Amino acid sequence: MLTESGQPLPGLYAAGEVAGFGGGGYHGYRALEGTFLGGCLFSGRVAGRAAAQALG
């Protein structure tokens, strides 16, 4: 999410499908339900580490 000036909103973290792919995402609209799990785990880990680092 960006501010009105186009800068990242401090303290807000999003990764993977939730970051704005609009439903199409990496796997596309016709993906099988289980195919999203790997990406969710990895991108959640990346977002969590970034949030923890920002908080110190």
C-alpha atoms as a PDB file:
ATOM      1  CA  MET A   1       0.000   0.000   0.000  1.00  0.00           C
ATOM      2  CA  LEU A   2       1.291   3.435  -0.911  1.00  0.00           C
ATOM      3  CA  THR A   3       0.629   6.886   0.489  1.00  0.00           C
ATOM      4  CA  GLU A   4      -0.904   9.634  -1.654  1.00  0.00           C
ATOM      5  CA  SER A   5       2.642  10.686  -2.623  1.00  0.00           C
ATOM      6  CA  GLY A   6       3.486   7.154  -3.814  1.00  0.00           C
ATOM      7  CA  GLN A   7       5.699   6.164  -0.887  1.00  0.00           C
ATOM      8  CA  PRO A   8       5.332   2.860   1.007  1.00  0.00           C
ATOM      9  CA  LEU A   9       3.143   3.146   4.098  1.00  0.00           C
ATOM     10  CA  PRO A  10       5.425   2.593   7.125  1.00  0.00           C
ATOM     11  CA  GLY A  11       4.572  -0.456   9.220  1.00  0.00           C
ATOM     12  CA  LEU A  12       2.291  -2.090   6.636  1.00  0.00           C
ATOM     13  CA  TYR A  13       3.618  -5.332   5.158  1.00  0.00           C
ATOM     14  CA  ALA A  14       2.130  -7.445   2.392  1.00  0.00           C
ATOM     15  CA  ALA A  15       3.645 -10.170   0.247  1.00  0.00           C
ATOM     16  CA  GLY A  16       2.607 -12.680  -2.384  1.00  0.00           C
ATOM     17  CA  GLU A  17      -0.952 -12.827  -3.690  1.00  0.00           C
ATOM     18  CA  VAL A  18      -2.167 -10.328  -1.093  1.00  0.00           C
ATOM     19  CA  ALA A  19       0.221  -7.665  -2.406  1.00  0.00           C
ATOM     20  CA  GLY A  20      -2.073  -6.749  -5.267  1.00  0.00           C
ATOM     21  CA  PHE A  21      -2.173  -9.335  -8.009  1.00  0.00           C
ATOM     22  CA  GLY A  22      -5.937  -8.932  -8.253  1.00  0.00           C
ATOM     23  CA  GLY A  23      -6.718 -12.643  -8.249  1.00  0.00           C
ATOM     24  CA  GLY A  24      -4.623 -13.570 -11.284  1.00  0.00           C
ATOM     25  CA  GLY A  25      -1.400 -13.890  -9.385  1.00  0.00           C
ATOM     26  CA  TYR A  26       1.580 -16.049 -10.132  1.00  0.00           C
ATOM     27  CA  HIS A  27      -0.461 -19.195 -10.715  1.00  0.00           C
ATOM     28  CA  GLY A  28      -3.262 -17.580 -12.735  1.00  0.00           C
ATOM     29  CA  TYR A  29      -7.038 -17.658 -12.398  1.00  0.00           C
ATOM     30  CA  ARG A  30      -7.325 -21.393 -13.101  1.00  0.00           C
ATOM     31  CA  ALA A  31      -4.813 -22.578 -10.505  1.00  0.00           C
ATOM     32  CA  LEU A  32      -5.609 -25.530  -8.270  1.00  0.00           C
ATOM     33  CA  GLU A  33      -6.266 -24.626  -4.643  1.00  0.00           C
ATOM     34  CA  GLY A  34      -3.160 -26.271  -3.170  1.00  0.00           C
ATOM     35  CA  THR A  35      -0.736 -24.585  -5.552  1.00  0.00           C
ATOM     36  CA  PHE A  36      -0.870 -21.349  -3.576  1.00  0.00           C
ATOM     37  CA  LEU A  37       0.476 -22.813  -0.330  1.00  0.00           C
ATOM     38  CA  GLY A  38       4.182 -22.734  -1.205  1.00  0.00           C
ATOM     39  CA  GLY A  39       4.048 -19.112  -2.266  1.00  0.00           C
ATOM     40  CA  CYS A  40       2.040 -18.173   0.817  1.00  0.00           C
ATOM     41  CA  LEU A  41       4.578 -19.757   3.158  1.00  0.00           C
ATOM     42  CA  PHE A  42       7.584 -18.219   1.454  1.00  0.00           C
ATOM     43  CA  SER A  43       6.137 -14.728   0.998  1.00  0.00           C
ATOM     44  CA  GLY A  44       4.779 -14.752   4.558  1.00  0.00           C
ATOM     45  CA  ARG A  45       8.251 -15.572   5.834  1.00  0.00           C
ATOM     46  CA  VAL A  46       9.752 -12.717   3.803  1.00  0.00           C
ATOM     47  CA  ALA A  47       7.138 -10.242   5.072  1.00  0.00           C
ATOM     48  CA  GLY A  48       7.534 -11.430   8.670  1.00  0.00           C
ATOM     49  CA  ARG A  49      11.305 -11.058   8.602  1.00  0.00           C
ATOM     50  CA  ALA A  50      11.054  -7.580   7.090  1.00  0.00           C
ATOM     51  CA  ALA A  51       8.551  -6.532   9.758  1.00  0.00           C
ATOM     52  CA  ALA A  52      10.727  -7.949  12.555  1.00  0.00           C
ATOM     53  CA  GLN A  53      13.808  -6.183  11.197  1.00  0.00           C
ATOM     54  CA  ALA A  54      11.939  -2.873  10.957  1.00  0.00           C
ATOM     55  CA  LEU A  55      10.773  -3.190  14.569  1.00  0.00           C
ATOM     56  CA  GLY A  56      14.252  -4.062  15.795  1.00  0.00           C
END
